[in-house]
Amino acid sequence: NKILKEIGADTIPQVLILNKIDLIDLGTTSKGCIRDEYDR
């Protein structure tokens, strides 16, 4: 995010992709995705 701000891309909408979940144990209750207050 610091470098994105440096190049002027800090205001662009982001979708956070939590990758490599096959390497960790998140439990069975973890949701596949989370939506924000605008339902995105």
PDB file of all heavy atoms in Angstrom:
ATOM      1  N   ASN A   1       0.828  -1.214   0.000  1.00  0.00           N
ATOM      2  CA  ASN A   1       0.000   0.000   0.000  1.00  0.00           C
ATOM      3  C   ASN A   1       0.858   1.259   0.000  1.00  0.00           C
ATOM      4  O   ASN A   1       0.468   2.279  -0.592  1.00  0.00           O
ATOM      5  CB  ASN A   1      -0.942  -0.008   1.204  1.00  0.00           C
ATOM      6  CG  ASN A   1      -2.082  -1.001   1.039  1.00  0.00           C
ATOM      7  OD1 ASN A   1      -2.492  -1.310  -0.083  1.00  0.00           O
ATOM      8  ND2 ASN A   1      -2.604  -1.509   2.140  1.00  0.00           N
ATOM      9  N   LYS A   2       2.026   1.188   0.645  1.00  0.00           N
ATOM     10  CA  LYS A   2       2.923   2.345   0.670  1.00  0.00           C
ATOM     11  C   LYS A   2       3.439   2.657  -0.736  1.00  0.00           C
ATOM     12  O   LYS A   2       3.488   3.821  -1.146  1.00  0.00           O
ATOM     13  CB  LYS A   2       4.094   2.062   1.618  1.00  0.00           C
ATOM     14  CG  LYS A   2       5.000   3.261   1.852  1.00  0.00           C
ATOM     15  CD  LYS A   2       5.916   3.035   3.050  1.00  0.00           C
ATOM     16  CE  LYS A   2       6.962   1.991   2.753  1.00  0.00           C
ATOM     17  NZ  LYS A   2       7.934   1.833   3.863  1.00  0.00           N
ATOM     18  N   ILE A   3       3.798   1.610  -1.481  1.00  0.00           N
ATOM     19  CA  ILE A   3       4.294   1.821  -2.848  1.00  0.00           C
ATOM     20  C   ILE A   3       3.158   2.235  -3.771  1.00  0.00           C
ATOM     21  O   ILE A   3       3.342   3.073  -4.669  1.00  0.00           O
ATOM     22  CB  ILE A   3       4.997   0.550  -3.361  1.00  0.00           C
ATOM     23  CG1 ILE A   3       6.230   0.270  -2.504  1.00  0.00           C
ATOM     24  CG2 ILE A   3       5.406   0.708  -4.827  1.00  0.00           C
ATOM     25  CD1 ILE A   3       6.938  -1.023  -2.811  1.00  0.00           C
ATOM     26  N   LEU A   4       1.958   1.681  -3.563  1.00  0.00           N
ATOM     27  CA  LEU A   4       0.802   2.093  -4.357  1.00  0.00           C
ATOM     28  C   LEU A   4       0.527   3.583  -4.168  1.00  0.00           C
ATOM     29  O   LEU A   4       0.179   4.297  -5.126  1.00  0.00           O
ATOM     30  CB  LEU A   4      -0.438   1.281  -3.967  1.00  0.00           C
ATOM     31  CG  LEU A   4      -0.449  -0.192  -4.393  1.00  0.00           C
ATOM     32  CD1 LEU A   4      -1.689  -0.895  -3.842  1.00  0.00           C
ATOM     33  CD2 LEU A   4      -0.398  -0.328  -5.916  1.00  0.00           C
ATOM     34  N   LYS A   5       0.702   4.056  -2.946  1.00  0.00           N
ATOM     35  CA  LYS A   5       0.515   5.485  -2.677  1.00  0.00           C
ATOM     36  C   LYS A   5       1.598   6.301  -3.370  1.00  0.00           C
ATOM     37  O   LYS A   5       1.329   7.381  -3.916  1.00  0.00           O
ATOM     38  CB  LYS A   5       0.546   5.743  -1.170  1.00  0.00           C
ATOM     39  CG  LYS A   5       0.236   7.188  -0.799  1.00  0.00           C
ATOM     40  CD  LYS A   5       0.151   7.369   0.710  1.00  0.00           C
ATOM     41  CE  LYS A   5      -0.222   8.813   1.063  1.00  0.00           C
ATOM     42  NZ  LYS A   5      -0.333   8.998   2.536  1.00  0.00           N
ATOM     43  N   GLU A   6       2.818   5.758  -3.388  1.00  0.00           N
ATOM     44  CA  GLU A   6       3.944   6.466  -4.010  1.00  0.00           C
ATOM     45  C   GLU A   6       3.729   6.658  -5.511  1.00  0.00           C
ATOM     46  O   GLU A   6       4.124   7.682  -6.075  1.00  0.00           O
ATOM     47  CB  GLU A   6       5.235   5.686  -3.758  1.00  0.00           C
ATOM     48  CG  GLU A   6       6.496   6.393  -4.239  1.00  0.00           C
ATOM     49  CD  GLU A   6       7.767   5.629  -3.892  1.00  0.00           C
ATOM     50  OE1 GLU A   6       7.718   4.769  -2.994  1.00  0.00           O
ATOM     51  OE2 GLU A   6       8.796   5.901  -4.528  1.00  0.00           O
ATOM     52  N   ILE A   7       3.087   5.679  -6.167  1.00  0.00           N
ATOM     53  CA  ILE A   7       2.875   5.788  -7.612  1.00  0.00           C
ATOM     54  C   ILE A   7       1.500   6.355  -7.947  1.00  0.00           C
ATOM     55  O   ILE A   7       1.144   6.474  -9.122  1.00  0.00           O
ATOM     56  CB  ILE A   7       3.061   4.415  -8.308  1.00  0.00           C
ATOM     57  CG1 ILE A   7       1.992   3.413  -7.846  1.00  0.00           C
ATOM     58  CG2 ILE A   7       4.455   3.882  -8.076  1.00  0.00           C
ATOM     59  CD1 ILE A   7       2.036   2.089  -8.588  1.00  0.00           C
ATOM     60  N   GLY A   8       0.715   6.709  -6.915  1.00  0.00           N
ATOM     61  CA  GLY A   8      -0.579   7.345  -7.148  1.00  0.00           C
ATOM     62  C   GLY A   8      -1.718   6.388  -7.408  1.00  0.00           C
ATOM     63  O   GLY A   8      -2.705   6.745  -8.069  1.00  0.00           O
ATOM     64  N   ALA A   9      -1.618   5.149  -6.888  1.00  0.00           N
ATOM     65  CA  ALA A   9      -2.667   4.150  -7.121  1.00  0.00           C
ATOM     66  C   ALA A   9      -3.393   3.767  -5.834  1.00  0.00           C
ATOM     67  O   ALA A   9      -4.077   2.738  -5.788  1.00  0.00           O
ATOM     68  CB  ALA A   9      -2.053   2.897  -7.755  1.00  0.00           C
ATOM     69  N   ASP A  10      -3.266   4.583  -4.795  1.00  0.00           N
ATOM     70  CA  ASP A  10      -3.827   4.227  -3.487  1.00  0.00           C
ATOM     71  C   ASP A  10      -5.335   4.436  -3.393  1.00  0.00           C
ATOM     72  O   ASP A  10      -5.962   3.970  -2.441  1.00  0.00           O
ATOM     73  CB  ASP A  10      -3.129   5.009  -2.374  1.00  0.00           C
ATOM     74  CG  ASP A  10      -3.161   6.510  -2.611  1.00  0.00           C
ATOM     75  OD1 ASP A  10      -2.952   6.934  -3.766  1.00  0.00           O
ATOM     76  OD2 ASP A  10      -3.381   7.276  -1.653  1.00  0.00           O
ATOM     77  N   THR A  11      -5.940   5.138  -4.368  1.00  0.00           N
ATOM     78  CA  THR A  11      -7.392   5.384  -4.319  1.00  0.00           C
ATOM     79  C   THR A  11      -8.177   4.392  -5.171  1.00  0.00           C
ATOM     80  O   THR A  11      -9.403   4.444  -5.195  1.00  0.00           O
ATOM     81  CB  THR A  11      -7.700   6.812  -4.797  1.00  0.00           C
ATOM     82  OG1 THR A  11      -7.222   6.979  -6.140  1.00  0.00           O
ATOM     83  CG2 THR A  11      -7.042   7.844  -3.891  1.00  0.00           C
ATOM     84  N   ILE A  12      -7.498   3.501  -5.855  1.00  0.00           N
ATOM     85  CA  ILE A  12      -8.184   2.514  -6.705  1.00  0.00           C
ATOM     86  C   ILE A  12      -8.771   1.412  -5.823  1.00  0.00           C
ATOM     87  O   ILE A  12      -8.098   0.900  -4.926  1.00  0.00           O
ATOM     88  CB  ILE A  12      -7.197   1.914  -7.728  1.00  0.00           C
ATOM     89  CG1 ILE A  12      -6.614   3.019  -8.613  1.00  0.00           C
ATOM     90  CG2 ILE A  12      -7.886   0.862  -8.591  1.00  0.00           C
ATOM     91  CD1 ILE A  12      -5.511   2.550  -9.527  1.00  0.00           C
ATOM     92  N   PRO A  13     -10.037   1.019  -6.064  1.00  0.00           N
ATOM     93  CA  PRO A  13     -10.665  -0.042  -5.252  1.00  0.00           C
ATOM     94  C   PRO A  13      -9.856  -1.339  -5.291  1.00  0.00           C
ATOM     95  O   PRO A  13      -9.331  -1.715  -6.342  1.00  0.00           O
ATOM     96  CB  PRO A  13     -12.035  -0.226  -5.914  1.00  0.00           C
ATOM     97  CG  PRO A  13     -12.297   1.056  -6.637  1.00  0.00           C
ATOM     98  CD  PRO A  13     -10.966   1.563  -7.075  1.00  0.00           C
ATOM     99  N   GLN A  14      -9.753  -2.002  -4.136  1.00  0.00           N
ATOM    100  CA  GLN A  14      -9.003  -3.250  -4.032  1.00  0.00           C
ATOM    101  C   GLN A  14      -9.902  -4.402  -3.603  1.00  0.00           C
ATOM    102  O   GLN A  14     -10.836  -4.215  -2.826  1.00  0.00           O
ATOM    103  CB  GLN A  14      -7.877  -3.127  -3.001  1.00  0.00           C
ATOM    104  CG  GLN A  14      -6.748  -2.196  -3.355  1.00  0.00           C
ATOM    105  CD  GLN A  14      -5.618  -2.285  -2.328  1.00  0.00           C
ATOM    106  OE1 GLN A  14      -5.485  -3.283  -1.611  1.00  0.00           O
ATOM    107  NE2 GLN A  14      -4.803  -1.251  -2.259  1.00  0.00           N
ATOM    108  N   VAL A  15      -9.581  -5.585  -4.113  1.00  0.00           N
ATOM    109  CA  VAL A  15     -10.121  -6.831  -3.578  1.00  0.00           C
ATOM    110  C   VAL A  15      -8.932  -7.591  -3.006  1.00  0.00           C
ATOM    111  O   VAL A  15      -7.973  -7.889  -3.722  1.00  0.00           O
ATOM    112  CB  VAL A  15     -10.817  -7.678  -4.656  1.00  0.00           C
ATOM    113  CG1 VAL A  15     -11.291  -9.003  -4.047  1.00  0.00           C
ATOM    114  CG2 VAL A  15     -11.986  -6.933  -5.268  1.00  0.00           C
ATOM    115  N   LEU A  16      -8.955  -7.856  -1.693  1.00  0.00           N
ATOM    116  CA  LEU A  16      -7.844  -8.560  -1.049  1.00  0.00           C
ATOM    117  C   LEU A  16      -7.983 -10.062  -1.290  1.00  0.00           C
ATOM    118  O   LEU A  16      -9.017 -10.662  -0.978  1.00  0.00           O
ATOM    119  CB  LEU A  16      -7.825  -8.269   0.451  1.00  0.00           C
ATOM    120  CG  LEU A  16      -7.636  -6.803   0.859  1.00  0.00           C
ATOM    121  CD1 LEU A  16      -7.600  -6.688   2.382  1.00  0.00           C
ATOM    122  CD2 LEU A  16      -6.365  -6.222   0.259  1.00  0.00           C
ATOM    123  N   ILE A  17      -6.945 -10.659  -1.877  1.00  0.00           N
ATOM    124  CA  ILE A  17      -6.950 -12.089  -2.182  1.00  0.00           C
ATOM    125  C   ILE A  17      -6.005 -12.788  -1.214  1.00  0.00           C
ATOM    126  O   ILE A  17      -4.781 -12.665  -1.308  1.00  0.00           O
ATOM    127  CB  ILE A  17      -6.486 -12.355  -3.628  1.00  0.00           C
ATOM    128  CG1 ILE A  17      -7.242 -11.466  -4.627  1.00  0.00           C
ATOM    129  CG2 ILE A  17      -6.639 -13.831  -3.969  1.00  0.00           C
ATOM    130  CD1 ILE A  17      -8.689 -11.793  -4.778  1.00  0.00           C
ATOM    131  N   LEU A  18      -6.567 -13.510  -0.239  1.00  0.00           N
ATOM    132  CA  LEU A  18      -5.749 -14.253   0.729  1.00  0.00           C
ATOM    133  C   LEU A  18      -5.347 -15.580   0.103  1.00  0.00           C
ATOM    134  O   LEU A  18      -6.077 -16.569   0.159  1.00  0.00           O
ATOM    135  CB  LEU A  18      -6.527 -14.466   2.029  1.00  0.00           C
ATOM    136  CG  LEU A  18      -6.954 -13.185   2.752  1.00  0.00           C
ATOM    137  CD1 LEU A  18      -7.845 -13.509   3.933  1.00  0.00           C
ATOM    138  CD2 LEU A  18      -5.730 -12.410   3.225  1.00  0.00           C
ATOM    139  N   ASN A  19      -4.169 -15.604  -0.522  1.00  0.00           N
ATOM    140  CA  ASN A  19      -3.711 -16.754  -1.291  1.00  0.00           C
ATOM    141  C   ASN A  19      -2.950 -17.761  -0.415  1.00  0.00           C
ATOM    142  O   ASN A  19      -2.583 -17.464   0.712  1.00  0.00           O
ATOM    143  CB  ASN A  19      -2.826 -16.256  -2.435  1.00  0.00           C
ATOM    144  CG  ASN A  19      -2.532 -17.339  -3.456  1.00  0.00           C
ATOM    145  OD1 ASN A  19      -3.315 -18.271  -3.635  1.00  0.00           O
ATOM    146  ND2 ASN A  19      -1.405 -17.229  -4.125  1.00  0.00           N
ATOM    147  N   LYS A  20      -2.736 -18.929  -0.972  1.00  0.00           N
ATOM    148  CA  LYS A  20      -1.983 -20.032  -0.337  1.00  0.00           C
ATOM    149  C   LYS A  20      -2.688 -20.562   0.909  1.00  0.00           C
ATOM    150  O   LYS A  20      -2.028 -20.954   1.891  1.00  0.00           O
ATOM    151  CB  LYS A  20      -0.553 -19.590   0.006  1.00  0.00           C
ATOM    152  CG  LYS A  20       0.247 -19.096  -1.206  1.00  0.00           C
ATOM    153  CD  LYS A  20       1.696 -18.835  -0.872  1.00  0.00           C
ATOM    154  CE  LYS A  20       2.445 -18.282  -2.074  1.00  0.00           C
ATOM    155  NZ  LYS A  20       3.885 -18.049  -1.809  1.00  0.00           N
ATOM    156  N   ILE A  21      -4.023 -20.602   0.877  1.00  0.00           N
ATOM    157  CA  ILE A  21      -4.760 -21.133   2.026  1.00  0.00           C
ATOM    158  C   ILE A  21      -4.575 -22.644   2.158  1.00  0.00           C
ATOM    159  O   ILE A  21      -4.891 -23.222   3.196  1.00  0.00           O
ATOM    160  CB  ILE A  21      -6.266 -20.800   1.939  1.00  0.00           C
ATOM    161  CG1 ILE A  21      -6.876 -21.404   0.671  1.00  0.00           C
ATOM    162  CG2 ILE A  21      -6.497 -19.300   1.995  1.00  0.00           C
ATOM    163  CD1 ILE A  21      -8.386 -21.346   0.651  1.00  0.00           C
ATOM    164  N   ASP A  22      -4.051 -23.271   1.085  1.00  0.00           N
ATOM    165  CA  ASP A  22      -3.773 -24.711   1.164  1.00  0.00           C
ATOM    166  C   ASP A  22      -2.611 -25.010   2.111  1.00  0.00           C
ATOM    167  O   ASP A  22      -2.422 -26.164   2.515  1.00  0.00           O
ATOM    168  CB  ASP A  22      -3.455 -25.260  -0.236  1.00  0.00           C
ATOM    169  CG  ASP A  22      -2.366 -24.463  -0.941  1.00  0.00           C
ATOM    170  OD1 ASP A  22      -2.581 -23.256  -1.155  1.00  0.00           O
ATOM    171  OD2 ASP A  22      -1.308 -25.039  -1.256  1.00  0.00           O
ATOM    172  N   LEU A  23      -1.852 -23.963   2.478  1.00  0.00           N
ATOM    173  CA  LEU A  23      -0.693 -24.156   3.359  1.00  0.00           C
ATOM    174  C   LEU A  23      -1.008 -23.887   4.825  1.00  0.00           C
ATOM    175  O   LEU A  23      -0.159 -24.074   5.685  1.00  0.00           O
ATOM    176  CB  LEU A  23       0.456 -23.242   2.921  1.00  0.00           C
ATOM    177  CG  LEU A  23       0.974 -23.431   1.491  1.00  0.00           C
ATOM    178  CD1 LEU A  23       2.100 -22.446   1.201  1.00  0.00           C
ATOM    179  CD2 LEU A  23       1.454 -24.861   1.271  1.00  0.00           C
ATOM    180  N   ILE A  24      -2.231 -23.413   5.105  1.00  0.00           N
ATOM    181  CA  ILE A  24      -2.585 -23.094   6.492  1.00  0.00           C
ATOM    182  C   ILE A  24      -3.935 -23.699   6.837  1.00  0.00           C
ATOM    183  O   ILE A  24      -4.715 -24.067   5.962  1.00  0.00           O
ATOM    184  CB  ILE A  24      -2.635 -21.562   6.731  1.00  0.00           C
ATOM    185  CG1 ILE A  24      -3.622 -20.905   5.761  1.00  0.00           C
ATOM    186  CG2 ILE A  24      -1.258 -20.946   6.582  1.00  0.00           C
ATOM    187  CD1 ILE A  24      -3.797 -19.424   6.000  1.00  0.00           C
ATOM    188  N   ASP A  25      -4.225 -23.784   8.135  1.00  0.00           N
ATOM    189  CA  ASP A  25      -5.494 -24.310   8.632  1.00  0.00           C
ATOM    190  C   ASP A  25      -6.359 -23.134   9.082  1.00  0.00           C
ATOM    191  O   ASP A  25      -6.126 -22.541  10.136  1.00  0.00           O
ATOM    192  CB  ASP A  25      -5.250 -25.279   9.789  1.00  0.00           C
ATOM    193  CG  ASP A  25      -6.555 -25.882  10.310  1.00  0.00           C
ATOM    194  OD1 ASP A  25      -7.567 -25.807   9.580  1.00  0.00           O
ATOM    195  OD2 ASP A  25      -6.543 -26.409  11.440  1.00  0.00           O
ATOM    196  N   LEU A  26      -7.370 -22.792   8.278  1.00  0.00           N
ATOM    197  CA  LEU A  26      -8.256 -21.676   8.604  1.00  0.00           C
ATOM    198  C   LEU A  26      -9.516 -22.127   9.336  1.00  0.00           C
ATOM    199  O   LEU A  26     -10.328 -21.306   9.737  1.00  0.00           O
ATOM    200  CB  LEU A  26      -8.647 -20.924   7.324  1.00  0.00           C
ATOM    201  CG  LEU A  26      -7.515 -20.182   6.598  1.00  0.00           C
ATOM    202  CD1 LEU A  26      -8.030 -19.580   5.310  1.00  0.00           C
ATOM    203  CD2 LEU A  26      -6.929 -19.107   7.484  1.00  0.00           C
ATOM    204  N   GLY A  27      -9.671 -23.430   9.452  1.00  0.00           N
ATOM    205  CA  GLY A  27     -10.879 -23.932  10.115  1.00  0.00           C
ATOM    206  C   GLY A  27     -12.028 -24.067   9.132  1.00  0.00           C
ATOM    207  O   GLY A  27     -12.042 -23.478   8.052  1.00  0.00           O
ATOM    208  N   THR A  28     -13.027 -24.814   9.490  1.00  0.00           N
ATOM    209  CA  THR A  28     -14.153 -25.074   8.586  1.00  0.00           C
ATOM    210  C   THR A  28     -15.177 -23.946   8.579  1.00  0.00           C
ATOM    211  O   THR A  28     -16.037 -23.890   7.717  1.00  0.00           O
ATOM    212  CB  THR A  28     -14.862 -26.380   9.011  1.00  0.00           C
ATOM    213  OG1 THR A  28     -15.266 -26.264  10.392  1.00  0.00           O
ATOM    214  CG2 THR A  28     -13.925 -27.566   8.856  1.00  0.00           C
ATOM    215  N   THR A  29     -15.089 -23.031   9.558  1.00  0.00           N
ATOM    216  CA  THR A  29     -16.099 -21.967   9.648  1.00  0.00           C
ATOM    217  C   THR A  29     -15.726 -20.726   8.839  1.00  0.00           C
ATOM    218  O   THR A  29     -16.524 -19.812   8.718  1.00  0.00           O
ATOM    219  CB  THR A  29     -16.294 -21.559  11.121  1.00  0.00           C
ATOM    220  OG1 THR A  29     -15.032 -21.110  11.656  1.00  0.00           O
ATOM    221  CG2 THR A  29     -16.798 -22.741  11.931  1.00  0.00           C
ATOM    222  N   SER A  30     -14.502 -20.678   8.311  1.00  0.00           N
ATOM    223  CA  SER A  30     -14.064 -19.497   7.563  1.00  0.00           C
ATOM    224  C   SER A  30     -14.841 -19.359   6.263  1.00  0.00           C
ATOM    225  O   SER A  30     -15.040 -20.334   5.540  1.00  0.00           O
ATOM    226  CB  SER A  30     -12.561 -19.587   7.266  1.00  0.00           C
ATOM    227  OG  SER A  30     -11.830 -19.633   8.467  1.00  0.00           O
ATOM    228  N   LYS A  31     -15.292 -18.151   5.971  1.00  0.00           N
ATOM    229  CA  LYS A  31     -16.047 -17.891   4.756  1.00  0.00           C
ATOM    230  C   LYS A  31     -15.109 -17.792   3.564  1.00  0.00           C
ATOM    231  O   LYS A  31     -13.964 -17.376   3.682  1.00  0.00           O
ATOM    232  CB  LYS A  31     -16.834 -16.590   4.903  1.00  0.00           C
ATOM    233  CG  LYS A  31     -17.928 -16.635   5.955  1.00  0.00           C
ATOM    234  CD  LYS A  31     -18.675 -15.310   5.994  1.00  0.00           C
ATOM    235  CE  LYS A  31     -19.791 -15.339   7.029  1.00  0.00           C
ATOM    236  NZ  LYS A  31     -20.516 -14.047   7.097  1.00  0.00           N
ATOM    237  N   GLY A  32     -15.658 -18.147   2.387  1.00  0.00           N
ATOM    238  CA  GLY A  32     -14.873 -18.057   1.163  1.00  0.00           C
ATOM    239  C   GLY A  32     -14.626 -16.620   0.755  1.00  0.00           C
ATOM    240  O   GLY A  32     -13.610 -16.304   0.146  1.00  0.00           O
ATOM    241  N   CYS A  33     -15.593 -15.749   1.075  1.00  0.00           N
ATOM    242  CA  CYS A  33     -15.413 -14.336   0.750  1.00  0.00           C
ATOM    243  C   CYS A  33     -16.149 -13.464   1.767  1.00  0.00           C
ATOM    244  O   CYS A  33     -17.043 -13.930   2.463  1.00  0.00           O
ATOM    245  CB  CYS A  33     -15.910 -14.029  -0.665  1.00  0.00           C
ATOM    246  SG  CYS A  33     -17.704 -14.070  -0.860  1.00  0.00           S
ATOM    247  N   ILE A  34     -15.744 -12.213   1.836  1.00  0.00           N
ATOM    248  CA  ILE A  34     -16.366 -11.224   2.721  1.00  0.00           C
ATOM    249  C   ILE A  34     -16.770 -10.032   1.872  1.00  0.00           C
ATOM    250  O   ILE A  34     -16.023  -9.597   0.999  1.00  0.00           O
ATOM    251  CB  ILE A  34     -15.398 -10.793   3.840  1.00  0.00           C
ATOM    252  CG1 ILE A  34     -15.052 -11.974   4.735  1.00  0.00           C
ATOM    253  CG2 ILE A  34     -15.985  -9.651   4.667  1.00  0.00           C
ATOM    254  CD1 ILE A  34     -14.015 -11.664   5.798  1.00  0.00           C
ATOM    255  N   ARG A  35     -17.980  -9.508   2.155  1.00  0.00           N
ATOM    256  CA  ARG A  35     -18.457  -8.338   1.430  1.00  0.00           C
ATOM    257  C   ARG A  35     -18.403  -7.109   2.325  1.00  0.00           C
ATOM    258  O   ARG A  35     -18.519  -7.214   3.540  1.00  0.00           O
ATOM    259  CB  ARG A  35     -19.882  -8.564   0.927  1.00  0.00           C
ATOM    260  CG  ARG A  35     -19.984  -9.644  -0.157  1.00  0.00           C
ATOM    261  CD  ARG A  35     -21.410  -9.836  -0.654  1.00  0.00           C
ATOM    262  NE  ARG A  35     -21.475 -10.813  -1.724  1.00  0.00           N
ATOM    263  CZ  ARG A  35     -21.335 -10.529  -3.016  1.00  0.00           C
ATOM    264  NH1 ARG A  35     -21.152  -9.266  -3.391  1.00  0.00           N
ATOM    265  NH2 ARG A  35     -21.407 -11.471  -3.936  1.00  0.00           N
ATOM    266  N   ASP A  36     -18.240  -5.946   1.680  1.00  0.00           N
ATOM    267  CA  ASP A  36     -18.180  -4.699   2.444  1.00  0.00           C
ATOM    268  C   ASP A  36     -19.587  -4.136   2.645  1.00  0.00           C
ATOM    269  O   ASP A  36     -20.589  -4.785   2.308  1.00  0.00           O
ATOM    270  CB  ASP A  36     -17.270  -3.680   1.748  1.00  0.00           C
ATOM    271  CG  ASP A  36     -17.753  -3.324   0.344  1.00  0.00           C
ATOM    272  OD1 ASP A  36     -18.927  -3.580   0.019  1.00  0.00           O
ATOM    273  OD2 ASP A  36     -16.948  -2.770  -0.435  1.00  0.00           O
ATOM    274  N   GLU A  37     -19.678  -2.897   3.175  1.00  0.00           N
ATOM    275  CA  GLU A  37     -20.980  -2.295   3.470  1.00  0.00           C
ATOM    276  C   GLU A  37     -21.791  -1.974   2.222  1.00  0.00           C
ATOM    277  O   GLU A  37     -23.001  -1.744   2.294  1.00  0.00           O
ATOM    278  CB  GLU A  37     -20.794  -1.026   4.315  1.00  0.00           C
ATOM    279  CG  GLU A  37     -20.026   0.106   3.633  1.00  0.00           C
ATOM    280  CD  GLU A  37     -18.523   0.015   3.895  1.00  0.00           C
ATOM    281  OE1 GLU A  37     -18.027  -1.102   4.140  1.00  0.00           O
ATOM    282  OE2 GLU A  37     -17.865   1.074   3.851  1.00  0.00           O
ATOM    283  N   TYR A  38     -21.114  -1.975   1.049  1.00  0.00           N
ATOM    284  CA  TYR A  38     -21.816  -1.720  -0.213  1.00  0.00           C
ATOM    285  C   TYR A  38     -22.152  -3.022  -0.943  1.00  0.00           C
ATOM    286  O   TYR A  38     -22.527  -3.002  -2.112  1.00  0.00           O
ATOM    287  CB  TYR A  38     -20.965  -0.830  -1.119  1.00  0.00           C
ATOM    288  CG  TYR A  38     -20.601   0.488  -0.484  1.00  0.00           C
ATOM    289  CD1 TYR A  38     -19.311   0.705   0.002  1.00  0.00           C
ATOM    290  CD2 TYR A  38     -21.534   1.507  -0.353  1.00  0.00           C
ATOM    291  CE1 TYR A  38     -18.962   1.910   0.604  1.00  0.00           C
ATOM    292  CE2 TYR A  38     -21.194   2.716   0.246  1.00  0.00           C
ATOM    293  CZ  TYR A  38     -19.912   2.911   0.722  1.00  0.00           C
ATOM    294  OH  TYR A  38     -19.570   4.108   1.321  1.00  0.00           O
ATOM    295  N   ASP A  39     -21.977  -4.140  -0.234  1.00  0.00           N
ATOM    296  CA  ASP A  39     -22.253  -5.482  -0.762  1.00  0.00           C
ATOM    297  C   ASP A  39     -21.303  -5.870  -1.892  1.00  0.00           C
ATOM    298  O   ASP A  39     -21.625  -6.708  -2.727  1.00  0.00           O
ATOM    299  CB  ASP A  39     -23.708  -5.601  -1.239  1.00  0.00           C
ATOM    300  CG  ASP A  39     -24.148  -7.064  -1.324  1.00  0.00           C
ATOM    301  OD1 ASP A  39     -23.691  -7.875  -0.490  1.00  0.00           O
ATOM    302  OD2 ASP A  39     -24.922  -7.410  -2.238  1.00  0.00           O
ATOM    303  N   ARG A  40     -20.117  -5.247  -1.934  1.00  0.00           N
ATOM    304  CA  ARG A  40     -19.101  -5.647  -2.903  1.00  0.00           C
ATOM    305  C   ARG A  40     -18.173  -6.670  -2.252  1.00  0.00           C
ATOM    306  O   ARG A  40     -17.881  -6.578  -1.062  1.00  0.00           O
ATOM    307  CB  ARG A  40     -18.255  -4.445  -3.342  1.00  0.00           C
ATOM    308  CG  ARG A  40     -19.015  -3.320  -4.009  1.00  0.00           C
ATOM    309  CD  ARG A  40     -18.013  -2.330  -4.599  1.00  0.00           C
ATOM    310  NE  ARG A  40     -18.663  -1.108  -5.046  1.00  0.00           N
ATOM    311  CZ  ARG A  40     -18.635   0.040  -4.387  1.00  0.00           C
ATOM    312  NH1 ARG A  40     -18.004   0.123  -3.226  1.00  0.00           N
ATOM    313  NH2 ARG A  40     -19.239   1.118  -4.872  1.00  0.00           N
TER     314      ARG A  40
END
